Amino acid sequence: MKIAVFGAAGWLGRAILSNLTGRHEVRALDLSPEVWEYGNDLDGEWNEGEKTYGNIVDFKFVDQGVEGMDAVIHAAVHVSQKPGDYGVEDDLPYLVNLKGLRNVLESSREHNLRRVVHIGSCQVVHPAGRFFDADTRRPDGSLYAVTKRLQEEMCRQYHEAFELPIIVLRPCSIVDSKLGIDKSRNKLGREGVQRNISWVCRHDLAEACRLSAENRDIGFEILHTVGTLEAEATCNVRKSRELLGLKYRGDLDQYG
C-alpha cells in the first residue's frame, strides 16, 4: 500500500514510520525539516521514503500529499510550550486540529482513499465511573479536549455523509517501553513517572495504526488503544485486539 503519514516527525509519527518501513510505501508529511531534529537522537534519521514539508492548514499541501495514496494516517496535532498555548487567544488549536483534519478528510474523500486512520485522544477511566465505549465521549472541557472531541465528530460525519472508511484510535498517555521514557523524555518507573492504567507504548500504537490502515472490513470504529490489562474494565480496549488483531507487546509492568 501507499500510505501518507501526517505528523510523521513527531513522538508517535516516528514510531509509525518505523512500523511501516519495509511493509508499505510511505510518504512522510510534516511542517519543516527542522521538526525532525527532535526525534533523530532517539530514532535516528528516517530516509526510507518520501518526505514532504508544509502546513496541514493549507489544503493544497494536504491534497498534494494525499494524491496517489491508498490510505492516510493522521497523527498531526498542535503542540507548543509557548505561553498562552491552548489559551483563549490561541487560534492554532482550531486551525491545526480542526481545519487540518478537515483538509485531510476532504482530500481523502475526493481521492477515494481506502482508509483514514485518525489519532484521537480520550481518558481511560471515566470520572463518573462509566465504561468508555465508542459512543461515550470525553467529558472534560479544556480547549485541547474540545478540539479532540470535535475531531471525532468530524470523522463520524464524514463517514456517515460520504461512507469514508475511518478508524479513530484513542490513546491517552503514550510512552516508550523500550527506552523507558515518556514524550517529555522523563524516566519511567520508581525514580520517574509512575506506571498508570492509561499507558500505551508508542510502538504498540504504531502497530495499531498499521493494522487499521490495512483493515478492509471496518467502515467506522472508535477504539481505545491502551497497553495495560486492567484498562479492559474501564474502556473498550479489548475491541482493538478483537477487530484489529492487535497484540500489545510493550512491557509496561517493568515500570511498576
Protein backbone atom coordinates (compact mmCIF):
# COMPACT_ATOMS: atom_id res chain seq x y z
CA MET A 1 0.00 0.00 0.00
CA LYS A 2 0.91 3.65 -0.37
CA ILE A 3 0.36 5.41 2.95
CA ALA A 4 0.62 9.11 3.79
CA VAL A 5 1.53 9.91 7.40
CA PHE A 6 0.73 13.41 8.66
CA GLY A 7 2.68 14.46 11.75
CA ALA A 8 5.37 11.99 10.72
CA ALA A 9 8.24 13.65 12.61
CA GLY A 10 6.50 13.55 15.99
CA TRP A 11 6.74 11.28 19.03
CA LEU A 12 4.19 8.87 17.61
CA GLY A 13 4.85 9.64 13.96
CA ARG A 14 8.41 8.34 14.14
CA ALA A 15 7.18 5.04 15.59
CA ILE A 16 4.58 4.80 12.82
CA LEU A 17 7.26 5.26 10.18
CA SER A 18 9.41 2.55 11.77
CA ASN A 19 6.44 0.19 11.79
CA LEU A 20 5.54 0.85 8.16
CA THR A 21 9.10 0.67 6.80
CA GLY A 22 9.64 -2.47 4.75
CA ARG A 23 5.92 -3.18 4.67
CA HIS A 24 4.41 -0.26 2.73
CA GLU A 25 5.43 2.68 0.57
CA VAL A 26 5.39 5.76 2.79
CA ARG A 27 5.04 9.50 2.24
CA ALA A 28 6.01 11.35 5.44
CA LEU A 29 4.49 14.81 5.87
CA ASP A 30 5.31 17.42 8.49
CA LEU A 31 5.86 21.14 8.91
CA SER A 32 9.57 21.55 8.11
CA PRO A 33 12.95 19.78 8.06
CA GLU A 34 13.68 21.25 11.50
CA VAL A 35 10.91 19.31 13.25
CA TRP A 36 12.77 16.06 12.57
CA GLU A 37 15.61 17.10 14.85
CA TYR A 38 13.57 16.38 17.99
CA GLY A 39 13.50 12.64 17.38
CA ASN A 40 16.69 11.97 15.47
CA ASP A 41 18.69 11.22 18.62
CA LEU A 42 16.06 8.65 19.69
CA ASP A 43 15.01 7.10 16.41
CA GLY A 44 17.81 8.02 14.03
CA GLU A 45 17.41 9.56 10.60
CA TRP A 46 14.49 8.28 8.52
CA ASN A 47 15.22 8.04 4.82
CA GLU A 48 13.10 5.07 3.80
CA GLY A 49 10.52 7.03 1.84
CA GLU A 50 9.40 10.42 0.60
CA LYS A 51 9.45 13.45 2.90
CA THR A 52 7.15 16.39 2.15
CA TYR A 53 7.00 19.68 4.04
CA GLY A 54 4.15 22.11 4.53
CA ASN A 55 1.36 23.32 6.78
CA ILE A 56 -1.59 21.00 7.31
CA VAL A 57 -3.82 24.10 7.44
CA ASP A 58 -3.06 24.58 3.71
CA PHE A 59 -5.48 22.42 1.72
CA LYS A 60 -3.27 22.44 -1.37
CA PHE A 61 -0.37 20.97 0.61
CA VAL A 62 -2.63 18.31 2.12
CA ASP A 63 -4.23 17.46 -1.20
CA GLN A 64 -0.86 17.03 -2.91
CA GLY A 65 0.21 14.80 -0.03
CA VAL A 66 -2.87 12.59 -0.28
CA GLU A 67 -2.88 12.32 -4.07
CA GLY A 68 -1.82 8.88 -5.25
CA MET A 69 -2.08 7.30 -1.79
CA ASP A 70 -4.20 4.34 -0.70
CA ALA A 71 -4.51 5.34 2.97
CA VAL A 72 -3.77 8.17 5.38
CA ILE A 73 -2.64 8.03 8.99
CA HIS A 74 -3.37 11.38 10.61
CA ALA A 75 -1.15 11.89 13.68
CA ALA A 76 -0.68 15.67 13.44
CA VAL A 77 -1.68 17.80 16.43
CA HIS A 78 -0.91 21.31 17.64
CA VAL A 79 1.87 21.10 20.23
CA SER A 80 3.64 24.08 21.76
CA GLN A 81 5.33 25.08 25.01
CA LYS A 82 4.84 28.80 24.43
CA PRO A 83 2.96 30.92 26.98
CA GLY A 84 -0.72 31.07 26.09
CA ASP A 85 -0.66 27.75 24.28
CA TYR A 86 -4.24 26.43 24.15
CA GLY A 87 -5.37 29.64 25.83
CA VAL A 88 -8.38 31.78 24.94
CA GLU A 89 -6.40 33.81 22.40
CA ASP A 90 -4.71 30.83 20.75
CA ASP A 91 -6.17 30.13 17.31
CA LEU A 92 -3.71 27.43 16.31
CA PRO A 93 -5.56 24.55 18.03
CA TYR A 94 -8.61 25.30 15.87
CA LEU A 95 -6.55 25.69 12.71
CA VAL A 96 -4.26 22.68 13.13
CA ASN A 97 -6.54 20.24 14.94
CA LEU A 98 -9.83 21.05 13.20
CA LYS A 99 -9.13 22.69 9.85
CA GLY A 100 -6.11 20.44 9.39
CA LEU A 101 -8.15 17.30 9.95
CA ARG A 102 -10.96 18.60 7.78
CA ASN A 103 -8.42 19.12 4.98
CA VAL A 104 -7.23 15.52 5.37
CA LEU A 105 -10.78 14.13 5.38
CA GLU A 106 -11.92 16.20 2.43
CA SER A 107 -8.89 15.32 0.34
CA SER A 108 -9.24 11.64 1.29
CA ARG A 109 -12.86 11.75 0.18
CA GLU A 110 -12.02 13.41 -3.11
CA HIS A 111 -9.29 10.86 -3.84
CA ASN A 112 -11.48 7.94 -2.72
CA LEU A 113 -8.97 6.53 -0.25
CA ARG A 114 -9.39 3.03 1.10
CA ARG A 115 -8.76 4.03 4.72
CA VAL A 116 -8.25 7.01 7.02
CA VAL A 117 -6.73 6.39 10.45
CA HIS A 118 -7.07 9.26 12.90
CA ILE A 119 -5.26 9.51 16.24
CA GLY A 120 -7.77 10.81 18.72
CA SER A 121 -7.42 11.12 22.47
CA CYS A 122 -9.51 10.21 25.48
CA GLN A 123 -9.46 9.34 29.14
CA VAL A 124 -9.19 5.69 30.07
CA VAL A 125 -11.17 5.95 33.31
CA HIS A 126 -14.39 7.98 33.14
CA PRO A 127 -14.63 10.42 36.08
CA ALA A 128 -18.24 9.34 36.67
CA GLY A 129 -17.41 5.64 36.56
CA ARG A 130 -18.97 4.95 33.16
CA PHE A 131 -17.46 2.49 30.72
CA PHE A 132 -15.84 4.24 27.76
CA ASP A 133 -17.27 2.66 24.62
CA ALA A 134 -17.11 4.19 21.15
CA ASP A 135 -20.16 6.35 21.82
CA THR A 136 -19.06 7.66 25.21
CA ARG A 137 -17.29 10.96 24.66
CA ARG A 138 -14.60 12.53 26.79
CA PRO A 139 -16.31 14.82 29.34
CA ASP A 140 -13.53 17.37 30.03
CA GLY A 141 -13.71 20.91 28.67
CA SER A 142 -10.18 22.18 28.05
CA LEU A 143 -9.52 23.60 24.58
CA TYR A 144 -7.38 20.57 23.76
CA ALA A 145 -10.19 18.24 24.87
CA VAL A 146 -12.79 20.19 22.90
CA THR A 147 -10.79 20.09 19.67
CA LYS A 148 -10.06 16.36 20.05
CA ARG A 149 -13.74 15.72 20.81
CA LEU A 150 -14.78 17.68 17.72
CA GLN A 151 -12.27 15.74 15.64
CA GLU A 152 -14.13 12.53 16.47
CA GLU A 153 -17.42 14.08 15.42
CA MET A 154 -15.88 15.31 12.19
CA CYS A 155 -14.75 11.76 11.46
CA ARG A 156 -18.22 10.41 12.24
CA GLN A 157 -19.78 12.99 9.96
CA TYR A 158 -17.50 12.21 7.03
CA HIS A 159 -18.22 8.51 7.34
CA GLU A 160 -21.97 8.96 7.62
CA ALA A 161 -22.17 11.54 4.84
CA PHE A 162 -19.68 10.04 2.38
CA GLU A 163 -19.04 6.48 3.63
CA LEU A 164 -15.36 7.33 4.01
CA PRO A 165 -13.75 4.36 5.85
CA ILE A 166 -12.33 5.75 9.11
CA ILE A 167 -10.85 4.24 12.25
CA VAL A 168 -10.26 6.54 15.22
CA LEU A 169 -7.74 5.35 17.78
CA ARG A 170 -8.00 6.70 21.32
CA PRO A 171 -4.70 6.66 23.23
CA CYS A 172 -4.14 8.55 26.46
CA SER A 173 -0.58 8.50 27.81
CA ILE A 174 1.87 7.49 25.08
CA VAL A 175 5.22 6.24 26.42
CA ASP A 176 8.13 4.23 25.06
CA SER A 177 8.51 0.99 26.99
CA LYS A 178 11.75 0.14 25.14
CA LEU A 179 13.55 3.37 26.00
CA GLY A 180 11.80 3.79 29.35
CA ILE A 181 10.73 7.39 28.76
CA ASP A 182 7.59 9.43 28.14
CA LYS A 183 7.03 12.05 25.45
CA SER A 184 8.81 14.71 27.52
CA ARG A 185 11.74 12.29 27.95
CA ASN A 186 11.04 11.81 31.64
CA LYS A 187 12.17 8.46 33.01
CA LEU A 188 9.54 5.81 33.67
CA GLY A 189 9.44 3.87 36.92
CA ARG A 190 10.10 4.39 40.61
CA GLU A 191 12.54 7.24 40.10
CA GLY A 192 10.40 8.94 37.48
CA VAL A 193 6.90 8.77 36.06
CA GLN A 194 4.84 6.13 37.80
CA ARG A 195 3.04 3.49 35.77
CA ASN A 196 -0.69 4.08 35.43
CA ILE A 197 -3.65 2.46 33.76
CA SER A 198 -3.63 4.81 30.77
CA TRP A 199 -0.21 3.97 29.32
CA VAL A 200 0.38 2.62 25.84
CA CYS A 201 3.77 2.07 24.24
CA ARG A 202 4.14 4.20 21.13
CA HIS A 203 5.31 1.14 19.18
CA ASP A 204 2.09 -0.72 20.03
CA LEU A 205 0.07 2.31 19.00
CA ALA A 206 2.03 2.45 15.75
CA GLU A 207 1.17 -1.21 15.16
CA ALA A 208 -2.48 -0.33 15.71
CA CYS A 209 -2.14 2.39 13.08
CA ARG A 210 -0.73 -0.02 10.51
CA LEU A 211 -3.33 -2.71 11.22
CA SER A 212 -6.06 -0.09 10.93
CA ALA A 213 -4.68 1.13 7.60
CA GLU A 214 -4.62 -2.42 6.29
CA ASN A 215 -8.13 -3.29 7.52
CA ARG A 216 -10.82 -3.62 4.84
CA ASP A 217 -13.77 -4.75 6.98
CA ILE A 218 -14.43 -1.80 9.29
CA GLY A 219 -16.46 1.11 7.94
CA PHE A 220 -16.21 3.26 11.05
CA GLU A 221 -14.98 2.50 14.54
CA ILE A 222 -13.52 4.25 17.59
CA LEU A 223 -11.10 2.15 19.62
CA HIS A 224 -9.23 2.79 22.83
CA THR A 225 -5.59 1.77 22.48
CA VAL A 226 -4.15 1.07 25.92
CA GLY A 227 -1.38 -1.33 26.85
CA THR A 228 -2.42 -2.20 30.41
CA LEU A 229 -4.62 -5.22 31.00
CA GLU A 230 -6.64 -3.52 33.75
CA ALA A 231 -7.88 -0.94 31.22
CA GLU A 232 -10.27 -3.54 29.77
CA ALA A 233 -12.51 -2.94 32.77
CA THR A 234 -12.90 0.79 32.06
CA CYS A 235 -12.74 1.24 28.26
CA ASN A 236 -13.20 -0.67 25.01
CA VAL A 237 -9.53 -1.54 24.52
CA ARG A 238 -10.47 -5.21 24.07
CA LYS A 239 -12.05 -4.32 20.72
CA SER A 240 -8.68 -3.18 19.41
CA ARG A 241 -7.45 -6.72 19.98
CA GLU A 242 -10.53 -8.37 18.55
CA LEU A 243 -11.17 -6.17 15.49
CA LEU A 244 -7.58 -5.37 14.52
CA GLY A 245 -5.78 -8.47 15.79
CA LEU A 246 -3.55 -6.14 17.78
CA LYS A 247 -1.14 -7.63 20.30
CA TYR A 248 0.20 -5.26 22.92
CA ARG A 249 3.87 -6.19 23.31
CA GLY A 250 5.19 -3.25 25.31
CA ASP A 251 6.36 -4.35 28.76
CA LEU A 252 4.79 -1.70 30.96
CA ASP A 253 4.77 -3.75 34.15
CA GLN A 254 8.55 -3.39 34.46
CA TYR A 255 7.96 0.23 35.48
CA GLY A 256 5.82 -0.62 38.48
